[in-house]
PDB file of N, CA and C in Angstrom:
ATOM      1  N   MET A   1      19.178 -10.172 -18.730  1.00  0.00           N
ATOM      2  CA  MET A   1      17.877  -9.535 -18.720  1.00  0.00           C
ATOM      3  C   MET A   1      18.023  -8.175 -18.038  1.00  0.00           C
ATOM      4  N   GLU A   2      17.503  -7.153 -18.645  1.00  0.00           N
ATOM      5  CA  GLU A   2      17.495  -5.804 -18.080  1.00  0.00           C
ATOM      6  C   GLU A   2      16.206  -5.600 -17.305  1.00  0.00           C
ATOM      7  N   ALA A   3      16.264  -4.772 -16.271  1.00  0.00           N
ATOM      8  CA  ALA A   3      15.074  -4.470 -15.479  1.00  0.00           C
ATOM      9  C   ALA A   3      14.876  -2.960 -15.440  1.00  0.00           C
ATOM     10  N   TYR A   4      13.639  -2.531 -15.605  1.00  0.00           N
ATOM     11  CA  TYR A   4      13.294  -1.114 -15.569  1.00  0.00           C
ATOM     12  C   TYR A   4      12.155  -0.945 -14.577  1.00  0.00           C
ATOM     13  N   GLN A   5      12.217   0.098 -13.806  1.00  0.00           N
ATOM     14  CA  GLN A   5      11.182   0.346 -12.803  1.00  0.00           C
ATOM     15  C   GLN A   5      10.618   1.737 -13.011  1.00  0.00           C
ATOM     16  N   PHE A   6       9.295   1.823 -12.975  1.00  0.00           N
ATOM     17  CA  PHE A   6       8.637   3.119 -13.092  1.00  0.00           C
ATOM     18  C   PHE A   6       7.261   3.031 -12.446  1.00  0.00           C
ATOM     19  N   TYR A   7       6.722   4.174 -12.108  1.00  0.00           N
ATOM     20  CA  TYR A   7       5.376   4.248 -11.535  1.00  0.00           C
ATOM     21  C   TYR A   7       4.399   4.621 -12.642  1.00  0.00           C
ATOM     22  N   ALA A   8       3.227   4.001 -12.585  1.00  0.00           N
ATOM     23  CA  ALA A   8       2.208   4.282 -13.592  1.00  0.00           C
ATOM     24  C   ALA A   8       0.831   4.087 -12.981  1.00  0.00           C
ATOM     25  N   THR A   9      -0.120   4.797 -13.501  1.00  0.00           N
ATOM     26  CA  THR A   9      -1.510   4.637 -13.106  1.00  0.00           C
ATOM     27  C   THR A   9      -2.259   4.025 -14.281  1.00  0.00           C
ATOM     28  N   PRO A  10      -2.855   2.853 -14.085  1.00  0.00           N
ATOM     29  CA  PRO A  10      -3.581   2.223 -15.186  1.00  0.00           C
ATOM     30  C   PRO A  10      -4.777   3.071 -15.625  1.00  0.00           C
ATOM     31  N   GLU A  11      -4.994   3.093 -16.914  1.00  0.00           N
ATOM     32  CA  GLU A  11      -6.163   3.756 -17.490  1.00  0.00           C
ATOM     33  C   GLU A  11      -6.924   2.721 -18.302  1.00  0.00           C
ATOM     34  N   ASN A  12      -8.123   2.383 -17.842  1.00  0.00           N
ATOM     35  CA  ASN A  12      -8.936   1.338 -18.475  1.00  0.00           C
ATOM     36  C   ASN A  12      -8.169   0.020 -18.580  1.00  0.00           C
ATOM     37  N   GLY A  13      -7.401  -0.300 -17.534  1.00  0.00           N
ATOM     38  CA  GLY A  13      -6.663  -1.555 -17.492  1.00  0.00           C
ATOM     39  C   GLY A  13      -5.370  -1.560 -18.291  1.00  0.00           C
ATOM     40  N   VAL A  14      -4.945  -0.410 -18.808  1.00  0.00           N
ATOM     41  CA  VAL A  14      -3.730  -0.333 -19.631  1.00  0.00           C
ATOM     42  C   VAL A  14      -2.681   0.514 -18.920  1.00  0.00           C
ATOM     43  N   ILE A  15      -1.468  -0.009 -18.832  1.00  0.00           N
ATOM     44  CA  ILE A  15      -0.343   0.732 -18.265  1.00  0.00           C
ATOM     45  C   ILE A  15       0.565   1.152 -19.412  1.00  0.00           C
ATOM     46  N   GLN A  16       0.792   2.444 -19.527  1.00  0.00           N
ATOM     47  CA  GLN A  16       1.643   2.970 -20.592  1.00  0.00           C
ATOM     48  C   GLN A  16       3.115   2.880 -20.174  1.00  0.00           C
ATOM     49  N   ILE A  17       3.965   2.459 -21.097  1.00  0.00           N
ATOM     50  CA  ILE A  17       5.412   2.447 -20.864  1.00  0.00           C
ATOM     51  C   ILE A  17       5.921   3.857 -21.135  1.00  0.00           C
ATOM     52  N   PRO A  18       6.688   4.429 -20.194  1.00  0.00           N
ATOM     53  CA  PRO A  18       7.216   5.779 -20.409  1.00  0.00           C
ATOM     54  C   PRO A  18       8.057   5.863 -21.688  1.00  0.00           C
ATOM     55  N   GLU A  19       8.018   7.017 -22.326  1.00  0.00           N
ATOM     56  CA  GLU A  19       8.707   7.215 -23.608  1.00  0.00           C
ATOM     57  C   GLU A  19      10.180   6.822 -23.545  1.00  0.00           C
ATOM     58  N   HIS A  20      10.874   7.166 -22.471  1.00  0.00           N
ATOM     59  CA  HIS A  20      12.319   6.896 -22.425  1.00  0.00           C
ATOM     60  C   HIS A  20      12.649   5.410 -22.275  1.00  0.00           C
ATOM     61  N   TYR A  21      11.657   4.541 -22.050  1.00  0.00           N
ATOM     62  CA  TYR A  21      11.884   3.101 -22.009  1.00  0.00           C
ATOM     63  C   TYR A  21      11.429   2.409 -23.288  1.00  0.00           C
ATOM     64  N   LYS A  22      10.613   3.055 -24.092  1.00  0.00           N
ATOM     65  CA  LYS A  22      10.031   2.391 -25.259  1.00  0.00           C
ATOM     66  C   LYS A  22      11.079   1.888 -26.246  1.00  0.00           C
ATOM     67  N   ASN A  23      12.178   2.606 -26.415  1.00  0.00           N
ATOM     68  CA  ASN A  23      13.204   2.155 -27.360  1.00  0.00           C
ATOM     69  C   ASN A  23      14.087   1.058 -26.766  1.00  0.00           C
ATOM     70  N   LYS A  24      13.974   0.797 -25.463  1.00  0.00           N
ATOM     71  CA  LYS A  24      14.755  -0.259 -24.816  1.00  0.00           C
ATOM     72  C   LYS A  24      13.982  -1.569 -24.721  1.00  0.00           C
ATOM     73  N   ILE A  25      12.661  -1.509 -24.802  1.00  0.00           N
ATOM     74  CA  ILE A  25      11.820  -2.703 -24.704  1.00  0.00           C
ATOM     75  C   ILE A  25      11.318  -3.014 -26.106  1.00  0.00           C
ATOM     76  N   LEU A  26      12.092  -3.824 -26.805  1.00  0.00           N
ATOM     77  CA  LEU A  26      11.785  -4.091 -28.212  1.00  0.00           C
ATOM     78  C   LEU A  26      11.278  -5.506 -28.449  1.00  0.00           C
ATOM     79  N   SER A  27      11.326  -6.365 -27.431  1.00  0.00           N
ATOM     80  CA  SER A  27      10.847  -7.736 -27.607  1.00  0.00           C
ATOM     81  C   SER A  27       9.904  -8.075 -26.461  1.00  0.00           C
ATOM     82  N   ASN A  28       9.609  -9.358 -26.294  1.00  0.00           N
ATOM     83  CA  ASN A  28       8.733  -9.769 -25.203  1.00  0.00           C
ATOM     84  C   ASN A  28       9.304  -9.321 -23.868  1.00  0.00           C
ATOM     85  N   ALA A  29       8.452  -8.971 -22.954  1.00  0.00           N
ATOM     86  CA  ALA A  29       8.881  -8.516 -21.638  1.00  0.00           C
ATOM     87  C   ALA A  29       8.097  -9.262 -20.569  1.00  0.00           C
ATOM     88  N   LYS A  30       8.773  -9.567 -19.480  1.00  0.00           N
ATOM     89  CA  LYS A  30       8.111 -10.165 -18.323  1.00  0.00           C
ATOM     90  C   LYS A  30       7.687  -9.002 -17.431  1.00  0.00           C
ATOM     91  N   VAL A  31       6.408  -8.937 -17.114  1.00  0.00           N
ATOM     92  CA  VAL A  31       5.870  -7.807 -16.362  1.00  0.00           C
ATOM     93  C   VAL A  31       5.395  -8.294 -14.996  1.00  0.00           C
ATOM     94  N   THR A  32       5.845  -7.593 -13.948  1.00  0.00           N
ATOM     95  CA  THR A  32       5.395  -7.841 -12.588  1.00  0.00           C
ATOM     96  C   THR A  32       4.793  -6.546 -12.074  1.00  0.00           C
ATOM     97  N   VAL A  33       3.601  -6.628 -11.515  1.00  0.00           N
ATOM     98  CA  VAL A  33       2.927  -5.424 -11.023  1.00  0.00           C
ATOM     99  C   VAL A  33       2.844  -5.498  -9.504  1.00  0.00           C
ATOM    100  N   GLN A  34       3.324  -4.462  -8.832  1.00  0.00           N
ATOM    101  CA  GLN A  34       3.183  -4.330  -7.392  1.00  0.00           C
ATOM    102  C   GLN A  34       2.290  -3.131  -7.134  1.00  0.00           C
ATOM    103  N   VAL A  35       1.214  -3.353  -6.404  1.00  0.00           N
ATOM    104  CA  VAL A  35       0.262  -2.284  -6.141  1.00  0.00           C
ATOM    105  C   VAL A  35       0.541  -1.709  -4.767  1.00  0.00           C
ATOM    106  N   GLU A  36       0.752  -0.402  -4.705  1.00  0.00           N
ATOM    107  CA  GLU A  36       0.971   0.267  -3.435  1.00  0.00           C
ATOM    108  C   GLU A  36      -0.366   0.589  -2.797  1.00  0.00           C
ATOM    109  N   GLU A  37      -0.476   0.277  -1.514  1.00  0.00           N
ATOM    110  CA  GLU A  37      -1.699   0.618  -0.793  1.00  0.00           C
ATOM    111  C   GLU A  37      -1.618   2.072  -0.383  1.00  0.00           C
ATOM    112  N   VAL A  38      -2.595   2.818  -0.775  1.00  0.00           N
ATOM    113  CA  VAL A  38      -2.658   4.227  -0.431  1.00  0.00           C
ATOM    114  C   VAL A  38      -3.678   4.370   0.692  1.00  0.00           C
ATOM    115  N   PRO A  39      -3.237   4.837   1.862  1.00  0.00           N
ATOM    116  CA  PRO A  39      -4.202   4.962   2.961  1.00  0.00           C
ATOM    117  C   PRO A  39      -5.246   6.022   2.643  1.00  0.00           C
ATOM    118  N   SER A  40      -6.457   5.758   3.100  1.00  0.00           N
ATOM    119  CA  SER A  40      -7.528   6.729   2.890  1.00  0.00           C
ATOM    120  C   SER A  40      -7.346   7.888   3.864  1.00  0.00           C
ATOM    121  N   LEU A  41      -7.971   8.990   3.572  1.00  0.00           N
ATOM    122  CA  LEU A  41      -7.901  10.151   4.444  1.00  0.00           C
ATOM    123  C   LEU A  41      -8.466   9.809   5.823  1.00  0.00           C
ATOM    124  N   ARG A  42      -9.469   8.958   5.851  1.00  0.00           N
ATOM    125  CA  ARG A  42     -10.059   8.539   7.128  1.00  0.00           C
ATOM    126  C   ARG A  42      -9.034   7.774   7.965  1.00  0.00           C
ATOM    127  N   ASP A  43      -8.249   6.900   7.337  1.00  0.00           N
ATOM    128  CA  ASP A  43      -7.227   6.139   8.059  1.00  0.00           C
ATOM    129  C   ASP A  43      -6.147   7.052   8.620  1.00  0.00           C
ATOM    130  N   ILE A  44      -5.878   8.132   7.939  1.00  0.00           N
ATOM    131  CA  ILE A  44      -4.832   9.055   8.370  1.00  0.00           C
ATOM    132  C   ILE A  44      -5.320   9.931   9.527  1.00  0.00           C
ATOM    133  N   LEU A  45      -6.552  10.408   9.452  1.00  0.00           N
ATOM    134  CA  LEU A  45      -7.054  11.372  10.422  1.00  0.00           C
ATOM    135  C   LEU A  45      -7.632  10.759  11.691  1.00  0.00           C
ATOM    136  N   LEU A  46      -8.232   9.579  11.593  1.00  0.00           N
ATOM    137  CA  LEU A  46      -8.870   8.978  12.755  1.00  0.00           C
ATOM    138  C   LEU A  46      -7.907   8.050  13.490  1.00  0.00           C
ATOM    139  N   PRO A  47      -7.932   8.077  14.815  1.00  0.00           N
ATOM    140  CA  PRO A  47      -7.061   7.165  15.566  1.00  0.00           C
ATOM    141  C   PRO A  47      -7.558   5.733  15.408  1.00  0.00           C
ATOM    142  N   PRO A  48      -6.667   4.768  15.572  1.00  0.00           N
ATOM    143  CA  PRO A  48      -7.105   3.375  15.460  1.00  0.00           C
ATOM    144  C   PRO A  48      -8.047   3.016  16.601  1.00  0.00           C
ATOM    145  N   THR A  49      -8.946   2.086  16.357  1.00  0.00           N
ATOM    146  CA  THR A  49      -9.877   1.652  17.399  1.00  0.00           C
ATOM    147  C   THR A  49      -9.309   0.417  18.086  1.00  0.00           C
ATOM    148  N   LEU A  50      -9.670   0.249  19.321  1.00  0.00           N
ATOM    149  CA  LEU A  50      -9.192  -0.880  20.108  1.00  0.00           C
ATOM    150  C   LEU A  50     -10.391  -1.526  20.781  1.00  0.00           C
ATOM    151  N   ASP A  51     -10.591  -2.818  20.514  1.00  0.00           N
ATOM    152  CA  ASP A  51     -11.711  -3.544  21.103  1.00  0.00           C
ATOM    153  C   ASP A  51     -11.306  -4.017  22.496  1.00  0.00           C
ATOM    154  N   THR A  52     -11.906  -3.426  23.520  1.00  0.00           N
ATOM    155  CA  THR A  52     -11.588  -3.786  24.907  1.00  0.00           C
ATOM    156  C   THR A  52     -12.696  -4.607  25.556  1.00  0.00           C
ATOM    157  N   SER A  53     -13.616  -5.124  24.766  1.00  0.00           N
ATOM    158  CA  SER A  53     -14.768  -5.843  25.326  1.00  0.00           C
ATOM    159  C   SER A  53     -14.349  -7.101  26.084  1.00  0.00           C
ATOM    160  N   GLY A  54     -13.233  -7.701  25.740  1.00  0.00           N
ATOM    161  CA  GLY A  54     -12.790  -8.916  26.421  1.00  0.00           C
ATOM    162  C   GLY A  54     -11.849  -8.656  27.590  1.00  0.00           C
ATOM    163  N   TRP A  55     -11.566  -7.424  27.906  1.00  0.00           N
ATOM    164  CA  TRP A  55     -10.632  -7.083  28.980  1.00  0.00           C
ATOM    165  C   TRP A  55     -11.378  -6.899  30.297  1.00  0.00           C
ATOM    166  N   LYS A  56     -10.717  -7.232  31.396  1.00  0.00           N
ATOM    167  CA  LYS A  56     -11.272  -7.009  32.728  1.00  0.00           C
ATOM    168  C   LYS A  56     -10.515  -5.849  33.367  1.00  0.00           C
ATOM    169  N   PHE A  57     -11.247  -4.804  33.757  1.00  0.00           N
ATOM    170  CA  PHE A  57     -10.640  -3.651  34.385  1.00  0.00           C
ATOM    171  C   PHE A  57     -11.010  -3.653  35.869  1.00  0.00           C
ATOM    172  N   ASP A  58     -10.030  -3.528  36.699  1.00  0.00           N
ATOM    173  CA  ASP A  58     -10.252  -3.476  38.146  1.00  0.00           C
ATOM    174  C   ASP A  58      -9.555  -2.239  38.684  1.00  0.00           C
ATOM    175  N   ARG A  59     -10.331  -1.233  39.030  1.00  0.00           N
ATOM    176  CA  ARG A  59      -9.764   0.038  39.485  1.00  0.00           C
ATOM    177  C   ARG A  59      -8.925  -0.177  40.739  1.00  0.00           C
ATOM    178  N   GLY A  60      -9.350  -1.061  41.629  1.00  0.00           N
ATOM    179  CA  GLY A  60      -8.600  -1.320  42.857  1.00  0.00           C
ATOM    180  C   GLY A  60      -7.204  -1.841  42.558  1.00  0.00           C
ATOM    181  N   GLU A  61      -7.090  -2.809  41.631  1.00  0.00           N
ATOM    182  CA  GLU A  61      -5.784  -3.351  41.263  1.00  0.00           C
ATOM    183  C   GLU A  61      -4.916  -2.276  40.626  1.00  0.00           C
ATOM    184  N   ALA A  62      -5.508  -1.441  39.826  1.00  0.00           N
ATOM    185  CA  ALA A  62      -4.756  -0.386  39.154  1.00  0.00           C
ATOM    186  C   ALA A  62      -4.219   0.633  40.144  1.00  0.00           C
ATOM    187  N   ASN A  63      -4.954   0.884  41.222  1.00  0.00           N
ATOM    188  CA  ASN A  63      -4.538   1.895  42.196  1.00  0.00           C
ATOM    189  C   ASN A  63      -3.625   1.341  43.296  1.00  0.00           C
ATOM    190  N   GLU A  64      -3.377   0.035  43.297  1.00  0.00           N
ATOM    191  CA  GLU A  64      -2.528  -0.562  44.326  1.00  0.00           C
ATOM    192  C   GLU A  64      -1.068  -0.148  44.197  1.00  0.00           C
ATOM    193  N   ARG A  65      -0.686   0.374  43.081  1.00  0.00           N
ATOM    194  CA  ARG A  65       0.716   0.747  42.871  1.00  0.00           C
ATOM    195  C   ARG A  65       1.054   1.810  43.813  1.00  0.00           C
TER     196      ARG A  65
END
């Protein structure tokens, strides 16, 4: 079995096979789709949030060093 890898963007649920592979895929093919997660611009620009509501902060303990 031969394997070919390429990137494609579906259009109306259809993924086009690149021209240079069309003459190599002449019979049934097993297709596996891996979707890459693309981070949003907001995820890139904003720092992550940290929930500290369950933490106990004691300034005295912190300054004992």
